[in-house]
Amino acid sequence: MDIINILAEATKEYKIKLTSKQMLQFEKYFNMLVEWNGKINLTAITDAEGVAVKHFADSLALLNYVDVPKGASVIDVGTGAGFPGVALKIARPDIRLTLLDSLKKRLNFLDEVTNELGLSAVIVHSRAEDGAKNKDLRENFDFAVARAVAQLNILAEYCLPYVKTGGNFVAMKGPRAWQEIEKAESAFNLLGGRVKNTFEFSLPMEGGERTIAVIEKYAGTPPKYPRNSGKIKSKPL
């Protein structure tokens, strides 16, 4: 099957219903991802089914569990090849998207993708801990999203400072993340957050187990956070 048919099959039970235009945008995104991956390292997954299920459907699964209001501001922290941010923007063009990453080559790819797909997004070249000190970004978003391998107590220090009070940090994790979530609760609290919801689910087409953790921002993050990257990693909260 081609990427469009695979994605249609993978998302047939999803809340979001993709239009034919959106399907063509995902197809173009896939083609560009494979082309650029020959020049820079964007993803280890390049086959049509793998990308459709483990990147596109995985990113869109957020919309099955998290209510994202119309026009919400979303920052994808450490966006990499654009997951979940660009996939969410294709499905929900109304969101106001910011893509943040530390590697300029990846951002060049994302700049071309968003232009080719006709998507509006603010692209920021910065390390996560530096961007969170920027007054134009700090506590300025309804949602911070991240699909990252870092432990949640570390990821929270990078992401929660971007979220305004009353907003949410949404962490997209692999299977059995409850231990990470429990371990990170004191970190969430120090940063002004608390666990709102967790969702465990299976990706379609045997794509694997996933967890989504939603961390509500109930208070401002103290100015001393985030610390520098060395301290975040060597002495996690």
C-alpha atoms as a PDB file:
ATOM      1  CA  MET A   1       0.000   0.000   0.000  1.00  0.00           C
ATOM      2  CA  ASP A   2       1.083   3.573  -0.534  1.00  0.00           C
ATOM      3  CA  ILE A   3       1.504   6.035   2.334  1.00  0.00           C
ATOM      4  CA  ILE A   4      -1.978   7.542   1.927  1.00  0.00           C
ATOM      5  CA  ASN A   5      -3.776   4.195   2.139  1.00  0.00           C
ATOM      6  CA  ILE A   6      -1.636   3.076   5.071  1.00  0.00           C
ATOM      7  CA  LEU A   7      -2.308   6.310   6.961  1.00  0.00           C
ATOM      8  CA  ALA A   8      -6.028   6.054   6.204  1.00  0.00           C
ATOM      9  CA  GLU A   9      -6.061   2.531   7.640  1.00  0.00           C
ATOM     10  CA  ALA A  10      -3.965   3.522  10.658  1.00  0.00           C
ATOM     11  CA  THR A  11      -6.212   6.458  11.587  1.00  0.00           C
ATOM     12  CA  LYS A  12      -9.623   5.025  10.718  1.00  0.00           C
ATOM     13  CA  GLU A  13     -10.618   4.840  14.406  1.00  0.00           C
ATOM     14  CA  TYR A  14      -9.103   8.231  15.297  1.00  0.00           C
ATOM     15  CA  LYS A  15     -11.183  11.214  16.384  1.00  0.00           C
ATOM     16  CA  ILE A  16      -9.593  13.420  13.729  1.00  0.00           C
ATOM     17  CA  LYS A  17     -10.762  12.696  10.182  1.00  0.00           C
ATOM     18  CA  LEU A  18      -8.171  13.665   7.610  1.00  0.00           C
ATOM     19  CA  THR A  19      -9.320  15.284   4.371  1.00  0.00           C
ATOM     20  CA  SER A  20      -7.932  14.362   0.951  1.00  0.00           C
ATOM     21  CA  LYS A  21      -5.883  17.594   1.011  1.00  0.00           C
ATOM     22  CA  GLN A  22      -4.377  16.651   4.376  1.00  0.00           C
ATOM     23  CA  MET A  23      -3.569  13.158   3.116  1.00  0.00           C
ATOM     24  CA  LEU A  24      -1.691  14.676   0.172  1.00  0.00           C
ATOM     25  CA  GLN A  25       0.210  16.923   2.608  1.00  0.00           C
ATOM     26  CA  PHE A  26       1.260  13.860   4.610  1.00  0.00           C
ATOM     27  CA  GLU A  27       2.339  12.144   1.394  1.00  0.00           C
ATOM     28  CA  LYS A  28       4.517  15.127   0.445  1.00  0.00           C
ATOM     29  CA  TYR A  29       5.902  15.261   3.999  1.00  0.00           C
ATOM     30  CA  PHE A  30       6.848  11.577   3.761  1.00  0.00           C
ATOM     31  CA  ASN A  31       8.559  12.050   0.383  1.00  0.00           C
ATOM     32  CA  MET A  32      10.546  15.022   1.662  1.00  0.00           C
ATOM     33  CA  LEU A  33      11.496  13.155   4.849  1.00  0.00           C
ATOM     34  CA  VAL A  34      12.939  10.264   2.848  1.00  0.00           C
ATOM     35  CA  GLU A  35      14.724  12.586   0.418  1.00  0.00           C
ATOM     36  CA  TRP A  36      16.303  14.740   3.139  1.00  0.00           C
ATOM     37  CA  ASN A  37      17.180  11.710   5.237  1.00  0.00           C
ATOM     38  CA  GLY A  38      19.727  10.830   2.581  1.00  0.00           C
ATOM     39  CA  LYS A  39      21.546  14.085   3.396  1.00  0.00           C
ATOM     40  CA  ILE A  40      21.028  14.514   7.145  1.00  0.00           C
ATOM     41  CA  ASN A  41      20.031  12.105   9.867  1.00  0.00           C
ATOM     42  CA  LEU A  42      16.326  12.732  10.550  1.00  0.00           C
ATOM     43  CA  THR A  43      14.905   9.284  11.289  1.00  0.00           C
ATOM     44  CA  ALA A  44      15.847   5.613  11.351  1.00  0.00           C
ATOM     45  CA  ILE A  45      12.359   4.796  10.056  1.00  0.00           C
ATOM     46  CA  THR A  46      11.928   5.436   6.322  1.00  0.00           C
ATOM     47  CA  ASP A  47       9.515   2.782   5.014  1.00  0.00           C
ATOM     48  CA  ALA A  48       5.973   3.901   4.233  1.00  0.00           C
ATOM     49  CA  GLU A  49       4.248   1.782   6.890  1.00  0.00           C
ATOM     50  CA  GLY A  50       6.789   2.675   9.556  1.00  0.00           C
ATOM     51  CA  VAL A  51       6.482   6.413   8.932  1.00  0.00           C
ATOM     52  CA  ALA A  52       2.685   6.309   8.608  1.00  0.00           C
ATOM     53  CA  VAL A  53       2.202   4.380  11.850  1.00  0.00           C
ATOM     54  CA  LYS A  54       5.183   5.184  14.092  1.00  0.00           C
ATOM     55  CA  HIS A  55       5.549   8.847  13.164  1.00  0.00           C
ATOM     56  CA  PHE A  56       2.311  10.190  11.673  1.00  0.00           C
ATOM     57  CA  ALA A  57      -0.331   8.111  13.495  1.00  0.00           C
ATOM     58  CA  ASP A  58       1.708   8.246  16.698  1.00  0.00           C
ATOM     59  CA  SER A  59       1.805  12.058  16.552  1.00  0.00           C
ATOM     60  CA  LEU A  60      -1.908  12.330  15.716  1.00  0.00           C
ATOM     61  CA  ALA A  61      -2.831  10.031  18.618  1.00  0.00           C
ATOM     62  CA  LEU A  62      -2.393  13.053  20.895  1.00  0.00           C
ATOM     63  CA  LEU A  63      -5.657  14.440  19.499  1.00  0.00           C
ATOM     64  CA  ASN A  64      -7.503  11.300  20.623  1.00  0.00           C
ATOM     65  CA  TYR A  65      -6.743  12.032  24.263  1.00  0.00           C
ATOM     66  CA  VAL A  66      -6.015  15.747  24.658  1.00  0.00           C
ATOM     67  CA  ASP A  67      -8.550  18.490  24.001  1.00  0.00           C
ATOM     68  CA  VAL A  68      -6.675  21.147  22.027  1.00  0.00           C
ATOM     69  CA  PRO A  69      -8.914  24.227  21.741  1.00  0.00           C
ATOM     70  CA  LYS A  70      -9.237  26.049  18.442  1.00  0.00           C
ATOM     71  CA  GLY A  71      -6.373  28.484  17.930  1.00  0.00           C
ATOM     72  CA  ALA A  72      -4.295  27.100  20.812  1.00  0.00           C
ATOM     73  CA  SER A  73      -0.601  27.994  20.916  1.00  0.00           C
ATOM     74  CA  VAL A  74       1.650  24.911  20.774  1.00  0.00           C
ATOM     75  CA  ILE A  75       5.434  24.631  21.042  1.00  0.00           C
ATOM     76  CA  ASP A  76       7.133  21.387  19.999  1.00  0.00           C
ATOM     77  CA  VAL A  77      10.299  21.249  22.098  1.00  0.00           C
ATOM     78  CA  GLY A  78      13.153  19.363  20.441  1.00  0.00           C
ATOM     79  CA  THR A  79      10.984  18.793  17.399  1.00  0.00           C
ATOM     80  CA  GLY A  80      13.599  16.877  15.356  1.00  0.00           C
ATOM     81  CA  ALA A  81      11.995  15.937  12.047  1.00  0.00           C
ATOM     82  CA  GLY A  82       8.748  17.637  13.088  1.00  0.00           C
ATOM     83  CA  PHE A  83       7.037  15.055  15.268  1.00  0.00           C
ATOM     84  CA  PRO A  84       4.518  15.632  16.650  1.00  0.00           C
ATOM     85  CA  GLY A  85       4.333  19.345  15.748  1.00  0.00           C
ATOM     86  CA  VAL A  86       4.123  19.324  11.946  1.00  0.00           C
ATOM     87  CA  ALA A  87       1.754  16.339  11.929  1.00  0.00           C
ATOM     88  CA  LEU A  88      -0.531  18.154  14.392  1.00  0.00           C
ATOM     89  CA  LYS A  89      -0.436  21.310  12.264  1.00  0.00           C
ATOM     90  CA  ILE A  90      -1.454  19.382   9.136  1.00  0.00           C
ATOM     91  CA  ALA A  91      -4.419  17.866  10.989  1.00  0.00           C
ATOM     92  CA  ARG A  92      -5.252  21.058  12.888  1.00  0.00           C
ATOM     93  CA  PRO A  93      -4.196  24.068  10.804  1.00  0.00           C
ATOM     94  CA  ASP A  94      -5.892  26.367  13.327  1.00  0.00           C
ATOM     95  CA  ILE A  95      -3.220  25.834  16.000  1.00  0.00           C
ATOM     96  CA  ARG A  96      -0.438  28.408  16.348  1.00  0.00           C
ATOM     97  CA  LEU A  97       2.690  26.288  16.095  1.00  0.00           C
ATOM     98  CA  THR A  98       6.273  26.934  17.175  1.00  0.00           C
ATOM     99  CA  LEU A  99       8.981  24.400  16.322  1.00  0.00           C
ATOM    100  CA  LEU A 100      12.118  24.523  18.478  1.00  0.00           C
ATOM    101  CA  ASP A 101      15.299  22.565  17.892  1.00  0.00           C
ATOM    102  CA  SER A 102      19.031  22.990  18.523  1.00  0.00           C
ATOM    103  CA  LEU A 103      20.192  21.669  15.135  1.00  0.00           C
ATOM    104  CA  LYS A 104      20.036  24.132  12.247  1.00  0.00           C
ATOM    105  CA  LYS A 105      20.045  21.411   9.575  1.00  0.00           C
ATOM    106  CA  ARG A 106      16.816  19.949  10.961  1.00  0.00           C
ATOM    107  CA  LEU A 107      15.242  23.394  11.039  1.00  0.00           C
ATOM    108  CA  ASN A 108      16.234  23.956   7.407  1.00  0.00           C
ATOM    109  CA  PHE A 109      14.324  20.776   6.583  1.00  0.00           C
ATOM    110  CA  LEU A 110      11.304  21.926   8.581  1.00  0.00           C
ATOM    111  CA  ASP A 111      11.381  25.353   6.961  1.00  0.00           C
ATOM    112  CA  GLU A 112      11.200  23.730   3.531  1.00  0.00           C
ATOM    113  CA  VAL A 113       8.488  21.277   4.649  1.00  0.00           C
ATOM    114  CA  THR A 114       6.237  23.974   6.082  1.00  0.00           C
ATOM    115  CA  ASN A 115       6.710  26.142   2.990  1.00  0.00           C
ATOM    116  CA  GLU A 116       5.993  23.267   0.591  1.00  0.00           C
ATOM    117  CA  LEU A 117       2.923  22.190   2.571  1.00  0.00           C
ATOM    118  CA  GLY A 118       1.601  25.740   2.991  1.00  0.00           C
ATOM    119  CA  LEU A 119       1.774  25.599   6.786  1.00  0.00           C
ATOM    120  CA  SER A 120       2.483  28.594   9.005  1.00  0.00           C
ATOM    121  CA  ALA A 121       4.900  27.955  11.868  1.00  0.00           C
ATOM    122  CA  VAL A 122       7.449  29.887  13.881  1.00  0.00           C
ATOM    123  CA  ILE A 123      10.811  28.117  13.692  1.00  0.00           C
ATOM    124  CA  VAL A 124      13.242  28.729  16.553  1.00  0.00           C
ATOM    125  CA  HIS A 125      16.899  27.691  16.550  1.00  0.00           C
ATOM    126  CA  SER A 126      17.768  27.215  20.215  1.00  0.00           C
ATOM    127  CA  ARG A 127      18.632  24.733  22.895  1.00  0.00           C
ATOM    128  CA  ALA A 128      15.550  24.043  24.991  1.00  0.00           C
ATOM    129  CA  GLU A 129      17.024  25.430  28.214  1.00  0.00           C
ATOM    130  CA  ASP A 130      18.069  28.664  26.469  1.00  0.00           C
ATOM    131  CA  GLY A 131      14.774  29.194  24.689  1.00  0.00           C
ATOM    132  CA  ALA A 132      12.911  28.880  27.993  1.00  0.00           C
ATOM    133  CA  LYS A 133      14.784  31.966  29.261  1.00  0.00           C
ATOM    134  CA  ASN A 134      13.583  34.022  26.280  1.00  0.00           C
ATOM    135  CA  LYS A 135      10.811  36.355  27.467  1.00  0.00           C
ATOM    136  CA  ASP A 136       8.963  35.905  24.150  1.00  0.00           C
ATOM    137  CA  LEU A 137       8.772  32.145  24.706  1.00  0.00           C
ATOM    138  CA  ARG A 138       8.746  31.624  28.469  1.00  0.00           C
ATOM    139  CA  GLU A 139       5.299  30.784  29.891  1.00  0.00           C
ATOM    140  CA  ASN A 140       3.770  31.832  26.585  1.00  0.00           C
ATOM    141  CA  PHE A 141       2.121  28.647  25.314  1.00  0.00           C
ATOM    142  CA  ASP A 142      -1.109  26.760  25.931  1.00  0.00           C
ATOM    143  CA  PHE A 143       0.725  23.502  25.218  1.00  0.00           C
ATOM    144  CA  ALA A 144       4.312  22.322  25.164  1.00  0.00           C
ATOM    145  CA  VAL A 145       4.633  18.929  23.469  1.00  0.00           C
ATOM    146  CA  ALA A 146       7.607  16.606  23.285  1.00  0.00           C
ATOM    147  CA  ARG A 147       8.176  13.150  21.907  1.00  0.00           C
ATOM    148  CA  ALA A 148      11.524  12.404  23.459  1.00  0.00           C
ATOM    149  CA  VAL A 149      13.522   9.620  25.074  1.00  0.00           C
ATOM    150  CA  ALA A 150      14.722  11.722  28.028  1.00  0.00           C
ATOM    151  CA  GLN A 151      13.382  10.729  31.438  1.00  0.00           C
ATOM    152  CA  LEU A 152      10.319  12.755  32.417  1.00  0.00           C
ATOM    153  CA  ASN A 153      11.944  14.518  35.370  1.00  0.00           C
ATOM    154  CA  ILE A 154      14.544  15.843  32.898  1.00  0.00           C
ATOM    155  CA  LEU A 155      12.075  16.517  30.080  1.00  0.00           C
ATOM    156  CA  ALA A 156       9.802  18.468  32.436  1.00  0.00           C
ATOM    157  CA  GLU A 157      12.551  20.959  33.274  1.00  0.00           C
ATOM    158  CA  TYR A 158      13.077  21.607  29.575  1.00  0.00           C
ATOM    159  CA  CYS A 159       9.367  21.910  28.715  1.00  0.00           C
ATOM    160  CA  LEU A 160       7.241  23.195  31.613  1.00  0.00           C
ATOM    161  CA  PRO A 161       8.872  26.670  31.620  1.00  0.00           C
ATOM    162  CA  TYR A 162       7.315  27.295  28.187  1.00  0.00           C
ATOM    163  CA  VAL A 163       3.767  26.635  29.425  1.00  0.00           C
ATOM    164  CA  LYS A 164       1.547  29.430  30.698  1.00  0.00           C
ATOM    165  CA  THR A 165      -0.350  28.912  33.956  1.00  0.00           C
ATOM    166  CA  GLY A 166      -3.474  26.919  33.130  1.00  0.00           C
ATOM    167  CA  GLY A 167      -1.779  25.286  30.136  1.00  0.00           C
ATOM    168  CA  ASN A 168      -0.398  21.776  29.722  1.00  0.00           C
ATOM    169  CA  PHE A 169       2.835  19.944  28.999  1.00  0.00           C
ATOM    170  CA  VAL A 170       2.105  16.802  26.964  1.00  0.00           C
ATOM    171  CA  ALA A 171       4.824  14.143  27.000  1.00  0.00           C
ATOM    172  CA  MET A 172       4.578  11.349  24.444  1.00  0.00           C
ATOM    173  CA  LYS A 173       6.348   8.296  25.808  1.00  0.00           C
ATOM    174  CA  GLY A 174       6.771   4.604  25.146  1.00  0.00           C
ATOM    175  CA  PRO A 175       5.269   1.671  27.086  1.00  0.00           C
ATOM    176  CA  ARG A 176       5.035   1.390  30.867  1.00  0.00           C
ATOM    177  CA  ALA A 177       5.904   5.019  31.551  1.00  0.00           C
ATOM    178  CA  TRP A 178       4.106   5.058  34.917  1.00  0.00           C
ATOM    179  CA  GLN A 179       7.391   4.540  36.778  1.00  0.00           C
ATOM    180  CA  GLU A 180       8.862   7.595  35.068  1.00  0.00           C
ATOM    181  CA  ILE A 181       5.722   9.582  35.858  1.00  0.00           C
ATOM    182  CA  GLU A 182       5.813   8.648  39.565  1.00  0.00           C
ATOM    183  CA  LYS A 183       9.535   9.440  39.770  1.00  0.00           C
ATOM    184  CA  ALA A 184       8.950  12.863  38.179  1.00  0.00           C
ATOM    185  CA  GLU A 185       6.090  14.083  40.392  1.00  0.00           C
ATOM    186  CA  SER A 186       8.351  16.090  42.711  1.00  0.00           C
ATOM    187  CA  ALA A 187      10.015  17.682  39.653  1.00  0.00           C
ATOM    188  CA  PHE A 188       6.615  18.621  38.223  1.00  0.00           C
ATOM    189  CA  ASN A 189       5.671  20.279  41.510  1.00  0.00           C
ATOM    190  CA  LEU A 190       8.923  22.280  41.732  1.00  0.00           C
ATOM    191  CA  LEU A 191       8.256  23.582  38.212  1.00  0.00           C
ATOM    192  CA  GLY A 192       4.602  24.491  38.886  1.00  0.00           C
ATOM    193  CA  GLY A 193       3.019  21.392  37.381  1.00  0.00           C
ATOM    194  CA  ARG A 194       1.035  18.329  38.422  1.00  0.00           C
ATOM    195  CA  VAL A 195      -0.144  15.181  36.691  1.00  0.00           C
ATOM    196  CA  LYS A 196      -3.533  15.749  35.112  1.00  0.00           C
ATOM    197  CA  ASN A 197      -4.003  12.563  33.064  1.00  0.00           C
ATOM    198  CA  THR A 198      -2.124   9.593  31.709  1.00  0.00           C
ATOM    199  CA  PHE A 199      -3.235   7.455  28.793  1.00  0.00           C
ATOM    200  CA  GLU A 200      -1.843   4.098  27.707  1.00  0.00           C
ATOM    201  CA  PHE A 201      -2.718   2.783  24.259  1.00  0.00           C
ATOM    202  CA  SER A 202      -1.538   0.619  21.380  1.00  0.00           C
ATOM    203  CA  LEU A 203      -0.643   2.111  18.041  1.00  0.00           C
ATOM    204  CA  PRO A 204      -2.607   0.624  15.128  1.00  0.00           C
ATOM    205  CA  MET A 205      -1.150  -2.062  12.883  1.00  0.00           C
ATOM    206  CA  GLU A 206       1.013  -3.479  15.697  1.00  0.00           C
ATOM    207  CA  GLY A 207       3.010  -0.263  15.934  1.00  0.00           C
ATOM    208  CA  GLY A 208       3.762  -0.736  19.612  1.00  0.00           C
ATOM    209  CA  GLU A 209       2.633   0.508  23.023  1.00  0.00           C
ATOM    210  CA  ARG A 210       2.571   4.191  23.907  1.00  0.00           C
ATOM    211  CA  THR A 211       1.850   6.459  26.880  1.00  0.00           C
ATOM    212  CA  ILE A 212       0.726  10.077  26.892  1.00  0.00           C
ATOM    213  CA  ALA A 213       1.244  12.051  30.112  1.00  0.00           C
ATOM    214  CA  VAL A 214      -0.565  15.373  30.503  1.00  0.00           C
ATOM    215  CA  ILE A 215       1.002  17.688  33.075  1.00  0.00           C
ATOM    216  CA  GLU A 216      -1.110  20.690  34.070  1.00  0.00           C
ATOM    217  CA  LYS A 217       0.659  23.982  34.844  1.00  0.00           C
ATOM    218  CA  TYR A 218      -0.979  25.321  38.002  1.00  0.00           C
ATOM    219  CA  ALA A 219       1.653  27.904  39.007  1.00  0.00           C
ATOM    220  CA  GLY A 220       4.520  29.873  37.511  1.00  0.00           C
ATOM    221  CA  THR A 221       7.896  28.183  37.138  1.00  0.00           C
ATOM    222  CA  PRO A 222      10.528  29.694  39.470  1.00  0.00           C
ATOM    223  CA  PRO A 223      13.008  31.896  37.539  1.00  0.00           C
ATOM    224  CA  LYS A 224      15.991  29.638  38.330  1.00  0.00           C
ATOM    225  CA  TYR A 225      14.532  26.887  36.098  1.00  0.00           C
ATOM    226  CA  PRO A 226      15.567  25.578  33.695  1.00  0.00           C
ATOM    227  CA  ARG A 227      19.134  25.229  34.883  1.00  0.00           C
ATOM    228  CA  ASN A 228      21.949  24.710  32.394  1.00  0.00           C
ATOM    229  CA  SER A 229      21.936  21.438  30.484  1.00  0.00           C
ATOM    230  CA  GLY A 230      24.837  19.954  32.445  1.00  0.00           C
ATOM    231  CA  LYS A 231      23.053  20.371  35.765  1.00  0.00           C
ATOM    232  CA  ILE A 232      19.733  19.159  34.374  1.00  0.00           C
ATOM    233  CA  LYS A 233      21.387  15.912  33.289  1.00  0.00           C
ATOM    234  CA  SER A 234      23.816  15.401  36.199  1.00  0.00           C
ATOM    235  CA  LYS A 235      21.434  16.424  38.992  1.00  0.00           C
ATOM    236  CA  PRO A 236      17.895  15.849  37.713  1.00  0.00           C
ATOM    237  CA  LEU A 237      15.058  17.203  39.847  1.00  0.00           C
END
